[in-house]
Amino acid sequence: MASGSQLVAQREPAGCTAYTVRRVEVSGNEFTRHRDVAKRIAFAEGKPFTELDMERTIGKLNKWGHFEKLSRENISLTYGSDPKTREFQCFVDLVVNVKEKRKK
């Protein structure tokens, strides 16, 4: 995957009107602990995916100031559906791509 600036939004499956977050990953945090980043991510696995959570995540991470400015393009979305799995029938996997600021 390209570093930090590529939006990946695979086509949404037909028949899906709402999505459940199946997986959330963070990429690019070489020095910042994952748990510190995770505290500022509004998405939760197993919960509904909302645009509001995307905006909240971007806002919290930008306000925190540990990374270069984030935008929607820094969050990769992969949509899918699995008719065998009731809770994740229509799901989205997210990767939050960050780039740490250099320490002065």
N, C-alpha and C. Protein backbone atom coordinates (compact mmCIF):
# COMPACT_ATOMS: atom_id res chain seq x y z
N MET A 1 0.85 -1.18 0.00
CA MET A 1 0.00 0.00 0.00
C MET A 1 0.88 1.23 0.00
N ALA A 2 0.48 2.26 -0.70
CA ALA A 2 1.25 3.50 -0.76
C ALA A 2 1.25 4.17 0.60
N SER A 3 2.29 4.93 0.86
CA SER A 3 2.41 5.54 2.18
C SER A 3 1.57 6.78 2.32
N GLY A 4 0.65 6.74 3.26
CA GLY A 4 -0.05 7.88 3.78
C GLY A 4 -0.92 8.76 2.94
N SER A 5 -0.91 8.67 1.63
CA SER A 5 -1.67 9.68 0.91
C SER A 5 -2.59 9.11 -0.15
N GLN A 6 -2.90 7.85 -0.08
CA GLN A 6 -3.71 7.24 -1.10
C GLN A 6 -5.05 6.80 -0.52
N LEU A 7 -6.14 7.18 -1.18
CA LEU A 7 -7.46 6.75 -0.76
C LEU A 7 -7.81 5.50 -1.55
N VAL A 8 -8.11 4.45 -0.83
CA VAL A 8 -8.53 3.21 -1.47
C VAL A 8 -9.96 2.98 -1.05
N ALA A 9 -10.87 3.03 -1.98
CA ALA A 9 -12.27 2.79 -1.67
C ALA A 9 -12.80 1.80 -2.69
N GLN A 10 -12.70 0.55 -2.37
CA GLN A 10 -13.21 -0.45 -3.28
C GLN A 10 -14.71 -0.33 -3.37
N ARG A 11 -15.25 -0.72 -4.49
CA ARG A 11 -16.68 -0.59 -4.77
C ARG A 11 -17.51 -1.22 -3.65
N GLU A 12 -18.56 -0.52 -3.28
CA GLU A 12 -19.45 -1.00 -2.24
C GLU A 12 -20.29 -2.15 -2.79
N PRO A 13 -20.46 -3.23 -2.02
CA PRO A 13 -21.26 -4.36 -2.49
C PRO A 13 -22.71 -3.98 -2.72
N ALA A 14 -23.30 -4.57 -3.74
CA ALA A 14 -24.71 -4.30 -4.06
C ALA A 14 -25.59 -4.76 -2.90
N GLY A 15 -26.62 -3.98 -2.62
CA GLY A 15 -27.58 -4.35 -1.59
C GLY A 15 -27.22 -3.90 -0.19
N CYS A 16 -26.06 -3.30 0.00
CA CYS A 16 -25.66 -2.84 1.33
C CYS A 16 -26.04 -1.38 1.50
N THR A 17 -26.73 -1.09 2.59
CA THR A 17 -27.09 0.30 2.88
C THR A 17 -26.37 0.81 4.13
N ALA A 18 -25.88 -0.11 4.94
CA ALA A 18 -25.14 0.25 6.15
C ALA A 18 -23.98 -0.73 6.30
N TYR A 19 -22.93 -0.27 6.95
CA TYR A 19 -21.73 -1.08 7.09
C TYR A 19 -21.31 -1.16 8.54
N THR A 20 -20.74 -2.30 8.89
CA THR A 20 -20.17 -2.52 10.20
C THR A 20 -18.66 -2.47 10.05
N VAL A 21 -17.99 -1.83 11.00
CA VAL A 21 -16.53 -1.79 10.98
C VAL A 21 -16.02 -3.18 11.37
N ARG A 22 -15.31 -3.82 10.44
CA ARG A 22 -14.77 -5.14 10.73
C ARG A 22 -13.36 -5.05 11.31
N ARG A 23 -12.55 -4.15 10.75
CA ARG A 23 -11.16 -4.06 11.19
C ARG A 23 -10.69 -2.62 11.07
N VAL A 24 -9.89 -2.18 12.03
CA VAL A 24 -9.26 -0.85 12.01
C VAL A 24 -7.77 -1.06 12.22
N GLU A 25 -6.96 -0.53 11.31
CA GLU A 25 -5.51 -0.61 11.43
C GLU A 25 -4.92 0.78 11.33
N VAL A 26 -3.73 0.94 11.90
CA VAL A 26 -2.98 2.19 11.79
C VAL A 26 -1.67 1.85 11.12
N SER A 27 -1.30 2.67 10.14
CA SER A 27 -0.06 2.46 9.39
C SER A 27 0.78 3.73 9.45
N GLY A 28 2.09 3.57 9.61
CA GLY A 28 3.00 4.72 9.57
C GLY A 28 3.44 5.23 10.92
N ASN A 29 2.95 4.67 11.99
CA ASN A 29 3.35 5.13 13.33
C ASN A 29 4.57 4.33 13.79
N GLU A 30 5.72 4.79 13.37
CA GLU A 30 6.97 4.09 13.67
C GLU A 30 7.40 4.28 15.13
N PHE A 31 7.22 5.47 15.66
CA PHE A 31 7.68 5.78 17.02
C PHE A 31 6.53 5.94 18.00
N THR A 32 5.38 6.36 17.54
CA THR A 32 4.22 6.58 18.40
C THR A 32 3.56 5.24 18.69
N ARG A 33 3.27 4.99 19.97
CA ARG A 33 2.66 3.71 20.35
C ARG A 33 1.26 3.58 19.76
N HIS A 34 0.96 2.37 19.32
CA HIS A 34 -0.34 2.09 18.71
C HIS A 34 -1.49 2.43 19.66
N ARG A 35 -1.35 2.08 20.93
CA ARG A 35 -2.45 2.34 21.87
C ARG A 35 -2.72 3.83 22.05
N ASP A 36 -1.68 4.66 21.92
CA ASP A 36 -1.88 6.11 22.02
C ASP A 36 -2.65 6.64 20.81
N VAL A 37 -2.38 6.08 19.65
CA VAL A 37 -3.11 6.47 18.44
C VAL A 37 -4.54 5.95 18.53
N ALA A 38 -4.70 4.71 18.95
CA ALA A 38 -6.02 4.08 19.00
C ALA A 38 -7.00 4.85 19.89
N LYS A 39 -6.50 5.49 20.94
CA LYS A 39 -7.37 6.28 21.82
C LYS A 39 -8.06 7.41 21.07
N ARG A 40 -7.47 7.85 19.99
CA ARG A 40 -7.98 9.00 19.25
C ARG A 40 -8.77 8.60 18.00
N ILE A 41 -8.99 7.32 17.82
CA ILE A 41 -9.75 6.83 16.66
C ILE A 41 -11.18 6.58 17.10
N ALA A 42 -12.12 7.20 16.39
CA ALA A 42 -13.53 7.11 16.77
C ALA A 42 -14.19 5.83 16.29
N PHE A 43 -13.58 5.12 15.37
CA PHE A 43 -14.15 3.87 14.87
C PHE A 43 -13.95 2.76 15.89
N ALA A 44 -14.90 1.84 15.96
CA ALA A 44 -14.76 0.69 16.83
C ALA A 44 -15.19 -0.56 16.06
N GLU A 45 -14.37 -1.58 16.15
CA GLU A 45 -14.70 -2.83 15.47
C GLU A 45 -16.02 -3.38 15.99
N GLY A 46 -16.87 -3.80 15.07
CA GLY A 46 -18.18 -4.33 15.42
C GLY A 46 -19.27 -3.29 15.52
N LYS A 47 -18.91 -2.02 15.39
CA LYS A 47 -19.88 -0.91 15.47
C LYS A 47 -20.19 -0.39 14.06
N PRO A 48 -21.31 0.33 13.91
CA PRO A 48 -21.64 0.89 12.59
C PRO A 48 -20.58 1.89 12.11
N PHE A 49 -20.32 1.90 10.82
CA PHE A 49 -19.41 2.87 10.20
C PHE A 49 -20.20 4.12 9.88
N THR A 50 -19.68 5.29 10.31
CA THR A 50 -20.35 6.55 10.02
C THR A 50 -19.34 7.57 9.52
N GLU A 51 -19.82 8.48 8.69
CA GLU A 51 -18.99 9.58 8.21
C GLU A 51 -18.57 10.48 9.37
N LEU A 52 -19.44 10.62 10.36
CA LEU A 52 -19.13 11.44 11.53
C LEU A 52 -17.90 10.89 12.27
N ASP A 53 -17.81 9.57 12.40
CA ASP A 53 -16.64 8.97 13.04
C ASP A 53 -15.38 9.23 12.23
N MET A 54 -15.50 9.28 10.91
CA MET A 54 -14.34 9.59 10.07
C MET A 54 -13.87 11.01 10.35
N GLU A 55 -14.78 11.96 10.40
CA GLU A 55 -14.43 13.35 10.66
C GLU A 55 -13.87 13.52 12.08
N ARG A 56 -14.45 12.83 13.06
CA ARG A 56 -13.95 12.90 14.44
C ARG A 56 -12.53 12.36 14.54
N THR A 57 -12.27 11.25 13.87
CA THR A 57 -10.93 10.66 13.90
C THR A 57 -9.90 11.62 13.31
N ILE A 58 -10.21 12.18 12.17
CA ILE A 58 -9.29 13.13 11.52
C ILE A 58 -9.06 14.33 12.44
N GLY A 59 -10.13 14.87 13.02
CA GLY A 59 -10.01 16.02 13.90
C GLY A 59 -9.18 15.74 15.14
N LYS A 60 -9.42 14.60 15.79
CA LYS A 60 -8.67 14.25 17.00
C LYS A 60 -7.19 14.05 16.72
N LEU A 61 -6.88 13.35 15.62
CA LEU A 61 -5.47 13.10 15.29
C LEU A 61 -4.77 14.39 14.89
N ASN A 62 -5.45 15.27 14.16
CA ASN A 62 -4.84 16.54 13.79
C ASN A 62 -4.62 17.43 15.02
N LYS A 63 -5.60 17.44 15.92
CA LYS A 63 -5.48 18.26 17.13
C LYS A 63 -4.35 17.76 18.02
N TRP A 64 -4.14 16.46 18.07
CA TRP A 64 -3.10 15.86 18.89
C TRP A 64 -1.72 16.36 18.47
N GLY A 65 -1.49 16.53 17.15
CA GLY A 65 -0.28 17.16 16.66
C GLY A 65 0.94 16.28 16.50
N HIS A 66 0.81 14.97 16.64
CA HIS A 66 1.97 14.08 16.48
C HIS A 66 2.25 13.72 15.03
N PHE A 67 1.29 13.95 14.16
CA PHE A 67 1.41 13.54 12.76
C PHE A 67 1.24 14.73 11.85
N GLU A 68 1.72 14.57 10.61
CA GLU A 68 1.45 15.59 9.60
C GLU A 68 -0.06 15.63 9.40
N LYS A 69 -0.55 16.76 8.91
CA LYS A 69 -1.99 16.96 8.79
C LYS A 69 -2.65 15.82 8.01
N LEU A 70 -3.72 15.30 8.60
CA LEU A 70 -4.48 14.21 7.98
C LEU A 70 -5.71 14.75 7.28
N SER A 71 -6.15 14.02 6.26
CA SER A 71 -7.41 14.31 5.58
C SER A 71 -8.09 12.98 5.26
N ARG A 72 -9.22 13.04 4.61
CA ARG A 72 -9.95 11.81 4.24
C ARG A 72 -9.10 10.89 3.38
N GLU A 73 -8.20 11.45 2.61
CA GLU A 73 -7.36 10.65 1.74
C GLU A 73 -6.39 9.75 2.52
N ASN A 74 -6.22 10.03 3.80
CA ASN A 74 -5.33 9.23 4.63
C ASN A 74 -6.03 8.02 5.26
N ILE A 75 -7.31 7.87 4.99
CA ILE A 75 -8.04 6.72 5.52
C ILE A 75 -8.48 5.85 4.35
N SER A 76 -7.89 4.66 4.29
CA SER A 76 -8.21 3.71 3.22
C SER A 76 -9.41 2.88 3.65
N LEU A 77 -10.38 2.76 2.76
CA LEU A 77 -11.60 2.00 3.02
C LEU A 77 -11.68 0.82 2.06
N THR A 78 -11.95 -0.35 2.58
CA THR A 78 -12.19 -1.52 1.75
C THR A 78 -13.53 -2.10 2.17
N TYR A 79 -14.48 -2.08 1.24
CA TYR A 79 -15.83 -2.58 1.51
C TYR A 79 -15.92 -4.05 1.13
N GLY A 80 -16.80 -4.74 1.80
CA GLY A 80 -17.04 -6.14 1.47
C GLY A 80 -18.33 -6.63 2.07
N SER A 81 -18.69 -7.83 1.69
CA SER A 81 -19.87 -8.46 2.29
C SER A 81 -19.61 -9.95 2.39
N ASP A 82 -20.18 -10.54 3.41
CA ASP A 82 -20.05 -11.96 3.65
C ASP A 82 -21.40 -12.48 4.11
N PRO A 83 -22.15 -13.08 3.20
CA PRO A 83 -23.48 -13.54 3.56
C PRO A 83 -23.48 -14.65 4.62
N LYS A 84 -22.34 -15.30 4.83
CA LYS A 84 -22.25 -16.38 5.82
C LYS A 84 -22.16 -15.84 7.24
N THR A 85 -21.73 -14.60 7.39
CA THR A 85 -21.48 -14.02 8.70
C THR A 85 -22.52 -12.94 8.97
N ARG A 86 -23.43 -13.19 9.87
CA ARG A 86 -24.54 -12.27 10.11
C ARG A 86 -24.08 -10.89 10.55
N GLU A 87 -23.17 -10.82 11.54
CA GLU A 87 -22.78 -9.52 12.08
C GLU A 87 -21.92 -8.70 11.13
N PHE A 88 -21.24 -9.34 10.18
CA PHE A 88 -20.41 -8.60 9.24
C PHE A 88 -20.89 -8.79 7.81
N GLN A 89 -22.19 -8.90 7.63
CA GLN A 89 -22.70 -9.14 6.28
C GLN A 89 -22.23 -8.04 5.32
N CYS A 90 -22.35 -6.80 5.69
CA CYS A 90 -21.80 -5.68 4.93
C CYS A 90 -20.81 -4.98 5.84
N PHE A 91 -19.53 -5.04 5.47
CA PHE A 91 -18.50 -4.54 6.37
C PHE A 91 -17.57 -3.59 5.64
N VAL A 92 -16.79 -2.88 6.44
CA VAL A 92 -15.73 -2.01 5.91
C VAL A 92 -14.50 -2.21 6.78
N ASP A 93 -13.36 -2.35 6.12
CA ASP A 93 -12.08 -2.39 6.80
C ASP A 93 -11.41 -1.04 6.59
N LEU A 94 -10.82 -0.48 7.63
CA LEU A 94 -10.20 0.84 7.56
C LEU A 94 -8.73 0.76 7.90
N VAL A 95 -7.93 1.53 7.17
CA VAL A 95 -6.52 1.71 7.50
C VAL A 95 -6.29 3.20 7.59
N VAL A 96 -5.87 3.66 8.77
CA VAL A 96 -5.55 5.07 8.98
C VAL A 96 -4.05 5.21 8.74
N ASN A 97 -3.70 5.90 7.65
CA ASN A 97 -2.31 6.10 7.25
C ASN A 97 -1.79 7.41 7.80
N VAL A 98 -0.80 7.34 8.68
CA VAL A 98 -0.25 8.54 9.31
C VAL A 98 1.21 8.71 8.92
N LYS A 99 1.70 9.93 9.06
CA LYS A 99 3.12 10.22 8.86
C LYS A 99 3.57 11.07 10.04
N GLU A 100 4.48 10.51 10.82
CA GLU A 100 4.91 11.20 12.04
C GLU A 100 5.71 12.45 11.71
N LYS A 101 5.52 13.49 12.54
CA LYS A 101 6.30 14.70 12.40
C LYS A 101 7.70 14.44 12.92
N ARG A 102 8.66 15.11 12.34
CA ARG A 102 10.03 14.98 12.82
C ARG A 102 10.18 15.73 14.11
N LYS A 103 10.90 15.14 15.03
CA LYS A 103 11.18 15.81 16.31
C LYS A 103 12.29 16.83 16.07
N LYS A 104 12.12 18.00 16.69
CA LYS A 104 13.12 19.07 16.51
C LYS A 104 14.15 19.01 17.59
